[in-house]
Amino acid sequence: LKNHQEFITSLLVKHFHHHYEEKWDPEEILIGKNKIKIEKMLNIAYLLAVCAEGEHKYAEDECRHIFPFQKLVSIIAHPDIPIKQKMPFLFLLKEGYLNTKTKS
């Protein structure tokens, strides 16, 4: 994975809107009852975080586009989302916003 982070990120982004509408709400999915959608959301967040790991600017930019900072904070602070489901988003926050190549 480490040698192909940019390629995997580009594939994920390319097909992202095929699976999610333009206006999508991760919080709504995570507090919902559809386990398949929840798993898909958790896997997308984790995969993006792994791709951004190691200061890869393209992956970091896409993390920020798909999961804006305010949305990540809302997910992490949401009382109805179990802590286990928050972990991929904490990892995404760390790799996409804190441990970055981009100075923001």
PDB file of N, CA and C in Angstrom:
ATOM      1  N   LEU A   1       0.828  -1.204   0.000  1.00  0.00           N
ATOM      2  CA  LEU A   1       0.000   0.000   0.000  1.00  0.00           C
ATOM      3  C   LEU A   1       0.864   1.257   0.000  1.00  0.00           C
ATOM      4  N   LYS A   2       1.940   1.255   0.763  1.00  0.00           N
ATOM      5  CA  LYS A   2       2.750   2.470   0.913  1.00  0.00           C
ATOM      6  C   LYS A   2       3.307   2.976  -0.410  1.00  0.00           C
ATOM      7  N   ASN A   3       3.621   2.080  -1.333  1.00  0.00           N
ATOM      8  CA  ASN A   3       4.180   2.496  -2.612  1.00  0.00           C
ATOM      9  C   ASN A   3       3.119   2.985  -3.589  1.00  0.00           C
ATOM     10  N   HIS A   4       1.864   2.802  -3.260  1.00  0.00           N
ATOM     11  CA  HIS A   4       0.782   3.121  -4.188  1.00  0.00           C
ATOM     12  C   HIS A   4      -0.275   4.037  -3.574  1.00  0.00           C
ATOM     13  N   GLN A   5       0.112   4.818  -2.599  1.00  0.00           N
ATOM     14  CA  GLN A   5      -0.850   5.656  -1.885  1.00  0.00           C
ATOM     15  C   GLN A   5      -1.576   6.635  -2.802  1.00  0.00           C
ATOM     16  N   GLU A   6      -0.852   7.286  -3.679  1.00  0.00           N
ATOM     17  CA  GLU A   6      -1.476   8.270  -4.564  1.00  0.00           C
ATOM     18  C   GLU A   6      -2.445   7.590  -5.533  1.00  0.00           C
ATOM     19  N   PHE A   7      -2.050   6.448  -6.067  1.00  0.00           N
ATOM     20  CA  PHE A   7      -2.907   5.721  -6.998  1.00  0.00           C
ATOM     21  C   PHE A   7      -4.189   5.249  -6.314  1.00  0.00           C
ATOM     22  N   ILE A   8      -4.061   4.681  -5.129  1.00  0.00           N
ATOM     23  CA  ILE A   8      -5.240   4.202  -4.385  1.00  0.00           C
ATOM     24  C   ILE A   8      -6.154   5.369  -4.029  1.00  0.00           C
ATOM     25  N   THR A   9      -5.565   6.482  -3.616  1.00  0.00           N
ATOM     26  CA  THR A   9      -6.360   7.665  -3.303  1.00  0.00           C
ATOM     27  C   THR A   9      -7.125   8.139  -4.531  1.00  0.00           C
ATOM     28  N   SER A  10      -6.463   8.179  -5.676  1.00  0.00           N
ATOM     29  CA  SER A  10      -7.140   8.649  -6.896  1.00  0.00           C
ATOM     30  C   SER A  10      -8.275   7.714  -7.290  1.00  0.00           C
ATOM     31  N   LEU A  11      -8.098   6.403  -7.132  1.00  0.00           N
ATOM     32  CA  LEU A  11      -9.184   5.461  -7.424  1.00  0.00           C
ATOM     33  C   LEU A  11     -10.351   5.650  -6.463  1.00  0.00           C
ATOM     34  N   LEU A  12     -10.038   5.827  -5.202  1.00  0.00           N
ATOM     35  CA  LEU A  12     -11.084   6.025  -4.201  1.00  0.00           C
ATOM     36  C   LEU A  12     -11.887   7.285  -4.494  1.00  0.00           C
ATOM     37  N   VAL A  13     -11.208   8.368  -4.776  1.00  0.00           N
ATOM     38  CA  VAL A  13     -11.878   9.634  -5.059  1.00  0.00           C
ATOM     39  C   VAL A  13     -12.701   9.539  -6.341  1.00  0.00           C
ATOM     40  N   LYS A  14     -12.133   8.889  -7.350  1.00  0.00           N
ATOM     41  CA  LYS A  14     -12.823   8.742  -8.635  1.00  0.00           C
ATOM     42  C   LYS A  14     -14.173   8.048  -8.468  1.00  0.00           C
ATOM     43  N   HIS A  15     -14.209   7.043  -7.609  1.00  0.00           N
ATOM     44  CA  HIS A  15     -15.434   6.255  -7.452  1.00  0.00           C
ATOM     45  C   HIS A  15     -16.258   6.659  -6.232  1.00  0.00           C
ATOM     46  N   PHE A  16     -15.772   7.627  -5.479  1.00  0.00           N
ATOM     47  CA  PHE A  16     -16.453   8.031  -4.251  1.00  0.00           C
ATOM     48  C   PHE A  16     -17.883   8.501  -4.516  1.00  0.00           C
ATOM     49  N   HIS A  17     -18.047   9.392  -5.475  1.00  0.00           N
ATOM     50  CA  HIS A  17     -19.378   9.947  -5.733  1.00  0.00           C
ATOM     51  C   HIS A  17     -20.304   8.962  -6.440  1.00  0.00           C
ATOM     52  N   HIS A  18     -19.737   7.883  -6.917  1.00  0.00           N
ATOM     53  CA  HIS A  18     -20.577   6.823  -7.485  1.00  0.00           C
ATOM     54  C   HIS A  18     -21.386   6.146  -6.376  1.00  0.00           C
ATOM     55  N   HIS A  19     -20.807   6.093  -5.176  1.00  0.00           N
ATOM     56  CA  HIS A  19     -21.459   5.423  -4.053  1.00  0.00           C
ATOM     57  C   HIS A  19     -22.172   6.380  -3.104  1.00  0.00           C
ATOM     58  N   TYR A  20     -21.803   7.639  -3.150  1.00  0.00           N
ATOM     59  CA  TYR A  20     -22.412   8.626  -2.254  1.00  0.00           C
ATOM     60  C   TYR A  20     -22.881   9.825  -3.054  1.00  0.00           C
ATOM     61  N   GLU A  21     -23.991  10.358  -2.649  1.00  0.00           N
ATOM     62  CA  GLU A  21     -24.529  11.535  -3.308  1.00  0.00           C
ATOM     63  C   GLU A  21     -23.601  12.718  -3.073  1.00  0.00           C
ATOM     64  N   GLU A  22     -23.804  13.781  -3.847  1.00  0.00           N
ATOM     65  CA  GLU A  22     -23.013  15.001  -3.666  1.00  0.00           C
ATOM     66  C   GLU A  22     -23.136  15.509  -2.226  1.00  0.00           C
ATOM     67  N   LYS A  23     -24.345  15.526  -1.716  1.00  0.00           N
ATOM     68  CA  LYS A  23     -24.576  15.955  -0.331  1.00  0.00           C
ATOM     69  C   LYS A  23     -24.768  14.695   0.506  1.00  0.00           C
ATOM     70  N   TRP A  24     -23.763  14.333   1.257  1.00  0.00           N
ATOM     71  CA  TRP A  24     -23.858  13.152   2.100  1.00  0.00           C
ATOM     72  C   TRP A  24     -23.483  13.532   3.513  1.00  0.00           C
ATOM     73  N   ASP A  25     -24.008  12.787   4.456  1.00  0.00           N
ATOM     74  CA  ASP A  25     -23.785  13.111   5.857  1.00  0.00           C
ATOM     75  C   ASP A  25     -23.248  11.887   6.595  1.00  0.00           C
ATOM     76  N   PRO A  26     -21.940  11.840   6.848  1.00  0.00           N
ATOM     77  CA  PRO A  26     -21.359  10.687   7.534  1.00  0.00           C
ATOM     78  C   PRO A  26     -21.970  10.439   8.911  1.00  0.00           C
ATOM     79  N   GLU A  27     -22.320  11.505   9.614  1.00  0.00           N
ATOM     80  CA  GLU A  27     -22.929  11.337  10.937  1.00  0.00           C
ATOM     81  C   GLU A  27     -24.240  10.573  10.834  1.00  0.00           C
ATOM     82  N   GLU A  28     -25.044  10.931   9.853  1.00  0.00           N
ATOM     83  CA  GLU A  28     -26.339  10.268   9.656  1.00  0.00           C
ATOM     84  C   GLU A  28     -26.143   8.789   9.355  1.00  0.00           C
ATOM     85  N   ILE A  29     -25.144   8.477   8.543  1.00  0.00           N
ATOM     86  CA  ILE A  29     -24.853   7.081   8.220  1.00  0.00           C
ATOM     87  C   ILE A  29     -24.403   6.334   9.472  1.00  0.00           C
ATOM     88  N   LEU A  30     -23.520   6.941  10.257  1.00  0.00           N
ATOM     89  CA  LEU A  30     -22.954   6.271  11.423  1.00  0.00           C
ATOM     90  C   LEU A  30     -23.959   6.040  12.547  1.00  0.00           C
ATOM     91  N   ILE A  31     -24.968   6.896  12.670  1.00  0.00           N
ATOM     92  CA  ILE A  31     -25.969   6.668  13.711  1.00  0.00           C
ATOM     93  C   ILE A  31     -27.156   5.868  13.180  1.00  0.00           C
ATOM     94  N   GLY A  32     -27.129   5.555  11.893  1.00  0.00           N
ATOM     95  CA  GLY A  32     -28.196   4.777  11.277  1.00  0.00           C
ATOM     96  C   GLY A  32     -28.080   3.298  11.611  1.00  0.00           C
ATOM     97  N   LYS A  33     -28.970   2.525  11.033  1.00  0.00           N
ATOM     98  CA  LYS A  33     -29.045   1.090  11.312  1.00  0.00           C
ATOM     99  C   LYS A  33     -28.459   0.232  10.192  1.00  0.00           C
ATOM    100  N   ASN A  34     -28.074   0.845   9.070  1.00  0.00           N
ATOM    101  CA  ASN A  34     -27.574   0.093   7.929  1.00  0.00           C
ATOM    102  C   ASN A  34     -26.103  -0.275   8.146  1.00  0.00           C
ATOM    103  N   LYS A  35     -25.863  -1.508   8.575  1.00  0.00           N
ATOM    104  CA  LYS A  35     -24.512  -1.950   8.926  1.00  0.00           C
ATOM    105  C   LYS A  35     -23.569  -1.942   7.722  1.00  0.00           C
ATOM    106  N   ILE A  36     -24.086  -2.210   6.539  1.00  0.00           N
ATOM    107  CA  ILE A  36     -23.240  -2.204   5.344  1.00  0.00           C
ATOM    108  C   ILE A  36     -22.742  -0.789   5.058  1.00  0.00           C
ATOM    109  N   LYS A  37     -23.637   0.203   5.135  1.00  0.00           N
ATOM    110  CA  LYS A  37     -23.230   1.594   4.913  1.00  0.00           C
ATOM    111  C   LYS A  37     -22.248   2.058   5.990  1.00  0.00           C
ATOM    112  N   ILE A  38     -22.470   1.631   7.218  1.00  0.00           N
ATOM    113  CA  ILE A  38     -21.565   2.006   8.311  1.00  0.00           C
ATOM    114  C   ILE A  38     -20.171   1.430   8.052  1.00  0.00           C
ATOM    115  N   GLU A  39     -20.110   0.143   7.722  1.00  0.00           N
ATOM    116  CA  GLU A  39     -18.819  -0.495   7.437  1.00  0.00           C
ATOM    117  C   GLU A  39     -18.112   0.169   6.264  1.00  0.00           C
ATOM    118  N   LYS A  40     -18.867   0.511   5.226  1.00  0.00           N
ATOM    119  CA  LYS A  40     -18.287   1.169   4.063  1.00  0.00           C
ATOM    120  C   LYS A  40     -17.710   2.529   4.461  1.00  0.00           C
ATOM    121  N   MET A  41     -18.437   3.285   5.265  1.00  0.00           N
ATOM    122  CA  MET A  41     -17.985   4.592   5.716  1.00  0.00           C
ATOM    123  C   MET A  41     -16.709   4.466   6.561  1.00  0.00           C
ATOM    124  N   LEU A  42     -16.681   3.507   7.473  1.00  0.00           N
ATOM    125  CA  LEU A  42     -15.508   3.297   8.315  1.00  0.00           C
ATOM    126  C   LEU A  42     -14.300   2.891   7.471  1.00  0.00           C
ATOM    127  N   ASN A  43     -14.521   2.040   6.487  1.00  0.00           N
ATOM    128  CA  ASN A  43     -13.426   1.602   5.623  1.00  0.00           C
ATOM    129  C   ASN A  43     -12.893   2.728   4.743  1.00  0.00           C
ATOM    130  N   ILE A  44     -13.776   3.585   4.256  1.00  0.00           N
ATOM    131  CA  ILE A  44     -13.340   4.739   3.454  1.00  0.00           C
ATOM    132  C   ILE A  44     -12.474   5.664   4.307  1.00  0.00           C
ATOM    133  N   ALA A  45     -12.928   5.953   5.511  1.00  0.00           N
ATOM    134  CA  ALA A  45     -12.169   6.842   6.401  1.00  0.00           C
ATOM    135  C   ALA A  45     -10.803   6.235   6.720  1.00  0.00           C
ATOM    136  N   TYR A  46     -10.780   4.945   7.033  1.00  0.00           N
ATOM    137  CA  TYR A  46      -9.518   4.297   7.379  1.00  0.00           C
ATOM    138  C   TYR A  46      -8.571   4.254   6.177  1.00  0.00           C
ATOM    139  N   LEU A  47      -9.091   3.899   5.004  1.00  0.00           N
ATOM    140  CA  LEU A  47      -8.254   3.830   3.809  1.00  0.00           C
ATOM    141  C   LEU A  47      -7.672   5.200   3.457  1.00  0.00           C
ATOM    142  N   LEU A  48      -8.476   6.243   3.556  1.00  0.00           N
ATOM    143  CA  LEU A  48      -7.961   7.592   3.306  1.00  0.00           C
ATOM    144  C   LEU A  48      -6.867   7.969   4.306  1.00  0.00           C
ATOM    145  N   ALA A  49      -7.066   7.614   5.558  1.00  0.00           N
ATOM    146  CA  ALA A  49      -6.064   7.924   6.578  1.00  0.00           C
ATOM    147  C   ALA A  49      -4.756   7.182   6.294  1.00  0.00           C
ATOM    148  N   VAL A  50      -4.845   5.917   5.909  1.00  0.00           N
ATOM    149  CA  VAL A  50      -3.646   5.144   5.593  1.00  0.00           C
ATOM    150  C   VAL A  50      -2.938   5.745   4.387  1.00  0.00           C
ATOM    151  N   CYS A  51      -3.696   6.174   3.396  1.00  0.00           N
ATOM    152  CA  CYS A  51      -3.099   6.784   2.203  1.00  0.00           C
ATOM    153  C   CYS A  51      -2.417   8.114   2.528  1.00  0.00           C
ATOM    154  N   ALA A  52      -2.940   8.840   3.500  1.00  0.00           N
ATOM    155  CA  ALA A  52      -2.353  10.135   3.881  1.00  0.00           C
ATOM    156  C   ALA A  52      -1.168   9.966   4.827  1.00  0.00           C
ATOM    157  N   GLU A  53      -1.032   8.803   5.407  1.00  0.00           N
ATOM    158  CA  GLU A  53       0.049   8.542   6.358  1.00  0.00           C
ATOM    159  C   GLU A  53       1.400   8.727   5.674  1.00  0.00           C
ATOM    160  N   GLY A  54       2.303   9.389   6.350  1.00  0.00           N
ATOM    161  CA  GLY A  54       3.619   9.613   5.802  1.00  0.00           C
ATOM    162  C   GLY A  54       3.720  10.885   4.978  1.00  0.00           C
ATOM    163  N   GLU A  55       2.820  11.789   5.200  1.00  0.00           N
ATOM    164  CA  GLU A  55       2.841  13.114   4.566  1.00  0.00           C
ATOM    165  C   GLU A  55       2.762  13.059   3.034  1.00  0.00           C
ATOM    166  N   HIS A  56       1.661  12.534   2.542  1.00  0.00           N
ATOM    167  CA  HIS A  56       1.385  12.515   1.104  1.00  0.00           C
ATOM    168  C   HIS A  56       0.348  13.587   0.803  1.00  0.00           C
ATOM    169  N   LYS A  57       0.790  14.662   0.169  1.00  0.00           N
ATOM    170  CA  LYS A  57      -0.040  15.843  -0.032  1.00  0.00           C
ATOM    171  C   LYS A  57      -1.341  15.553  -0.773  1.00  0.00           C
ATOM    172  N   TYR A  58      -1.294  14.769  -1.850  1.00  0.00           N
ATOM    173  CA  TYR A  58      -2.508  14.497  -2.621  1.00  0.00           C
ATOM    174  C   TYR A  58      -3.555  13.804  -1.739  1.00  0.00           C
ATOM    175  N   ALA A  59      -3.138  12.793  -0.991  1.00  0.00           N
ATOM    176  CA  ALA A  59      -4.065  12.084  -0.108  1.00  0.00           C
ATOM    177  C   ALA A  59      -4.581  12.998   1.002  1.00  0.00           C
ATOM    178  N   GLU A  60      -3.704  13.841   1.534  1.00  0.00           N
ATOM    179  CA  GLU A  60      -4.124  14.789   2.572  1.00  0.00           C
ATOM    180  C   GLU A  60      -5.199  15.732   2.032  1.00  0.00           C
ATOM    181  N   ASP A  61      -4.970  16.242   0.820  1.00  0.00           N
ATOM    182  CA  ASP A  61      -5.942  17.158   0.210  1.00  0.00           C
ATOM    183  C   ASP A  61      -7.289  16.483   0.009  1.00  0.00           C
ATOM    184  N   GLU A  62      -7.270  15.245  -0.441  1.00  0.00           N
ATOM    185  CA  GLU A  62      -8.527  14.522  -0.657  1.00  0.00           C
ATOM    186  C   GLU A  62      -9.218  14.199   0.661  1.00  0.00           C
ATOM    187  N   CYS A  63      -8.446  13.892   1.693  1.00  0.00           N
ATOM    188  CA  CYS A  63      -9.030  13.677   3.031  1.00  0.00           C
ATOM    189  C   CYS A  63      -9.792  14.922   3.466  1.00  0.00           C
ATOM    190  N   ARG A  64      -9.161  16.064   3.241  1.00  0.00           N
ATOM    191  CA  ARG A  64      -9.768  17.331   3.640  1.00  0.00           C
ATOM    192  C   ARG A  64     -10.986  17.674   2.802  1.00  0.00           C
ATOM    193  N   HIS A  65     -10.979  17.240   1.550  1.00  0.00           N
ATOM    194  CA  HIS A  65     -12.124  17.501   0.675  1.00  0.00           C
ATOM    195  C   HIS A  65     -13.316  16.617   1.061  1.00  0.00           C
ATOM    196  N   ILE A  66     -13.063  15.348   1.274  1.00  0.00           N
ATOM    197  CA  ILE A  66     -14.143  14.399   1.580  1.00  0.00           C
ATOM    198  C   ILE A  66     -14.623  14.537   3.019  1.00  0.00           C
ATOM    199  N   PHE A  67     -13.689  14.754   3.945  1.00  0.00           N
ATOM    200  CA  PHE A  67     -14.028  14.900   5.363  1.00  0.00           C
ATOM    201  C   PHE A  67     -13.487  16.231   5.878  1.00  0.00           C
ATOM    202  N   PRO A  68     -14.242  17.324   5.712  1.00  0.00           N
ATOM    203  CA  PRO A  68     -13.795  18.621   6.240  1.00  0.00           C
ATOM    204  C   PRO A  68     -13.563  18.543   7.759  1.00  0.00           C
ATOM    205  N   PHE A  69     -12.687  19.397   8.243  1.00  0.00           N
ATOM    206  CA  PHE A  69     -12.310  19.395   9.656  1.00  0.00           C
ATOM    207  C   PHE A  69     -13.527  19.440  10.575  1.00  0.00           C
ATOM    208  N   GLN A  70     -14.443  20.342  10.293  1.00  0.00           N
ATOM    209  CA  GLN A  70     -15.627  20.506  11.142  1.00  0.00           C
ATOM    210  C   GLN A  70     -16.456  19.227  11.178  1.00  0.00           C
ATOM    211  N   LYS A  71     -16.536  18.514  10.047  1.00  0.00           N
ATOM    212  CA  LYS A  71     -17.293  17.266   9.982  1.00  0.00           C
ATOM    213  C   LYS A  71     -16.610  16.199  10.838  1.00  0.00           C
ATOM    214  N   LEU A  72     -15.279  16.135  10.785  1.00  0.00           N
ATOM    215  CA  LEU A  72     -14.558  15.164  11.617  1.00  0.00           C
ATOM    216  C   LEU A  72     -14.770  15.446  13.101  1.00  0.00           C
ATOM    217  N   VAL A  73     -14.692  16.702  13.473  1.00  0.00           N
ATOM    218  CA  VAL A  73     -14.907  17.070  14.876  1.00  0.00           C
ATOM    219  C   VAL A  73     -16.323  16.699  15.311  1.00  0.00           C
ATOM    220  N   SER A  74     -17.304  16.939  14.449  1.00  0.00           N
ATOM    221  CA  SER A  74     -18.697  16.583  14.771  1.00  0.00           C
ATOM    222  C   SER A  74     -18.853  15.077  14.977  1.00  0.00           C
ATOM    223  N   ILE A  75     -18.212  14.292  14.121  1.00  0.00           N
ATOM    224  CA  ILE A  75     -18.289  12.835  14.253  1.00  0.00           C
ATOM    225  C   ILE A  75     -17.640  12.395  15.565  1.00  0.00           C
ATOM    226  N   ILE A  76     -16.461  12.908  15.838  1.00  0.00           N
ATOM    227  CA  ILE A  76     -15.720  12.513  17.033  1.00  0.00           C
ATOM    228  C   ILE A  76     -16.457  12.930  18.309  1.00  0.00           C
ATOM    229  N   ALA A  77     -17.139  14.066  18.274  1.00  0.00           N
ATOM    230  CA  ALA A  77     -17.841  14.571  19.459  1.00  0.00           C
ATOM    231  C   ALA A  77     -19.277  14.055  19.578  1.00  0.00           C
ATOM    232  N   HIS A  78     -19.785  13.393  18.565  1.00  0.00           N
ATOM    233  CA  HIS A  78     -21.189  12.963  18.567  1.00  0.00           C
ATOM    234  C   HIS A  78     -21.423  11.903  19.647  1.00  0.00           C
ATOM    235  N   PRO A  79     -22.370  12.153  20.555  1.00  0.00           N
ATOM    236  CA  PRO A  79     -22.593  11.225  21.671  1.00  0.00           C
ATOM    237  C   PRO A  79     -23.223   9.890  21.267  1.00  0.00           C
ATOM    238  N   ASP A  80     -23.886   9.818  20.120  1.00  0.00           N
ATOM    239  CA  ASP A  80     -24.567   8.588  19.719  1.00  0.00           C
ATOM    240  C   ASP A  80     -23.718   7.681  18.829  1.00  0.00           C
ATOM    241  N   ILE A  81     -22.515   8.111  18.496  1.00  0.00           N
ATOM    242  CA  ILE A  81     -21.625   7.282  17.681  1.00  0.00           C
ATOM    243  C   ILE A  81     -20.677   6.557  18.632  1.00  0.00           C
ATOM    244  N   PRO A  82     -20.668   5.223  18.582  1.00  0.00           N
ATOM    245  CA  PRO A  82     -19.796   4.452  19.486  1.00  0.00           C
ATOM    246  C   PRO A  82     -18.315   4.789  19.264  1.00  0.00           C
ATOM    247  N   ILE A  83     -17.536   4.737  20.335  1.00  0.00           N
ATOM    248  CA  ILE A  83     -16.117   5.101  20.273  1.00  0.00           C
ATOM    249  C   ILE A  83     -15.371   4.246  19.251  1.00  0.00           C
ATOM    250  N   LYS A  84     -15.732   2.986  19.121  1.00  0.00           N
ATOM    251  CA  LYS A  84     -15.062   2.105  18.157  1.00  0.00           C
ATOM    252  C   LYS A  84     -15.235   2.621  16.730  1.00  0.00           C
ATOM    253  N   GLN A  85     -16.387   3.213  16.438  1.00  0.00           N
ATOM    254  CA  GLN A  85     -16.632   3.761  15.104  1.00  0.00           C
ATOM    255  C   GLN A  85     -15.938   5.109  14.907  1.00  0.00           C
ATOM    256  N   LYS A  86     -15.517   5.731  15.985  1.00  0.00           N
ATOM    257  CA  LYS A  86     -14.827   7.019  15.885  1.00  0.00           C
ATOM    258  C   LYS A  86     -13.337   6.845  15.569  1.00  0.00           C
ATOM    259  N   MET A  87     -12.795   5.670  15.810  1.00  0.00           N
ATOM    260  CA  MET A  87     -11.358   5.450  15.660  1.00  0.00           C
ATOM    261  C   MET A  87     -10.823   5.748  14.257  1.00  0.00           C
ATOM    262  N   PRO A  88     -11.473   5.291  13.167  1.00  0.00           N
ATOM    263  CA  PRO A  88     -10.954   5.633  11.840  1.00  0.00           C
ATOM    264  C   PRO A  88     -10.936   7.146  11.587  1.00  0.00           C
ATOM    265  N   PHE A  89     -11.882   7.853  12.189  1.00  0.00           N
ATOM    266  CA  PHE A  89     -11.962   9.300  11.997  1.00  0.00           C
ATOM    267  C   PHE A  89     -10.894  10.030  12.818  1.00  0.00           C
ATOM    268  N   LEU A  90     -10.551   9.489  13.972  1.00  0.00           N
ATOM    269  CA  LEU A  90      -9.433  10.037  14.745  1.00  0.00           C
ATOM    270  C   LEU A  90      -8.123   9.842  13.983  1.00  0.00           C
ATOM    271  N   PHE A  91      -7.961   8.671  13.399  1.00  0.00           N
ATOM    272  CA  PHE A  91      -6.775   8.376  12.585  1.00  0.00           C
ATOM    273  C   PHE A  91      -6.733   9.309  11.373  1.00  0.00           C
ATOM    274  N   LEU A  92      -7.874   9.526  10.753  1.00  0.00           N
ATOM    275  CA  LEU A  92      -7.975  10.429   9.601  1.00  0.00           C
ATOM    276  C   LEU A  92      -7.639  11.868  10.012  1.00  0.00           C
ATOM    277  N   LEU A  93      -8.125  12.289  11.151  1.00  0.00           N
ATOM    278  CA  LEU A  93      -7.810  13.627  11.663  1.00  0.00           C
ATOM    279  C   LEU A  93      -6.301  13.775  11.876  1.00  0.00           C
ATOM    280  N   LYS A  94      -5.699  12.757  12.459  1.00  0.00           N
ATOM    281  CA  LYS A  94      -4.256  12.794  12.715  1.00  0.00           C
ATOM    282  C   LYS A  94      -3.463  12.854  11.412  1.00  0.00           C
ATOM    283  N   GLU A  95      -3.777  11.991  10.464  1.00  0.00           N
ATOM    284  CA  GLU A  95      -2.986  11.911   9.233  1.00  0.00           C
ATOM    285  C   GLU A  95      -3.359  12.964   8.196  1.00  0.00           C
ATOM    286  N   GLY A  96      -4.620  13.364   8.164  1.00  0.00           N
ATOM    287  CA  GLY A  96      -5.055  14.334   7.150  1.00  0.00           C
ATOM    288  C   GLY A  96      -4.906  15.780   7.572  1.00  0.00           C
ATOM    289  N   TYR A  97      -4.852  16.024   8.885  1.00  0.00           N
ATOM    290  CA  TYR A  97      -4.798  17.398   9.361  1.00  0.00           C
ATOM    291  C   TYR A  97      -3.605  17.721  10.264  1.00  0.00           C
ATOM    292  N   LEU A  98      -3.189  16.779  11.091  1.00  0.00           N
ATOM    293  CA  LEU A  98      -2.145  17.090  12.061  1.00  0.00           C
ATOM    294  C   LEU A  98      -0.745  16.699  11.602  1.00  0.00           C
ATOM    295  N   ASN A  99      -0.587  15.492  11.114  1.00  0.00           N
ATOM    296  CA  ASN A  99       0.719  14.997  10.661  1.00  0.00           C
ATOM    297  C   ASN A  99       0.784  15.158   9.149  1.00  0.00           C
ATOM    298  N   THR A 100       0.948  16.403   8.688  1.00  0.00           N
ATOM    299  CA  THR A 100       0.815  16.667   7.263  1.00  0.00           C
ATOM    300  C   THR A 100       2.039  17.308   6.654  1.00  0.00           C
ATOM    301  N   LYS A 101       2.070  17.247   5.342  1.00  0.00           N
ATOM    302  CA  LYS A 101       3.111  17.922   4.576  1.00  0.00           C
ATOM    303  C   LYS A 101       2.712  19.378   4.348  1.00  0.00           C
ATOM    304  N   THR A 102       1.403  19.621   4.338  1.00  0.00           N
ATOM    305  CA  THR A 102       0.860  20.961   4.103  1.00  0.00           C
ATOM    306  C   THR A 102       0.847  21.733   5.415  1.00  0.00           C
ATOM    307  N   LYS A 103       1.319  22.933   5.382  1.00  0.00           N
ATOM    308  CA  LYS A 103       1.262  23.800   6.553  1.00  0.00           C
ATOM    309  C   LYS A 103      -0.045  24.580   6.513  1.00  0.00           C
ATOM    310  N   SER A 104      -0.929  24.313   7.505  1.00  0.00           N
ATOM    311  CA  SER A 104      -2.221  25.012   7.496  1.00  0.00           C
ATOM    312  C   SER A 104      -2.461  25.710   8.804  1.00  0.00           C
TER     313      SER A 104
END
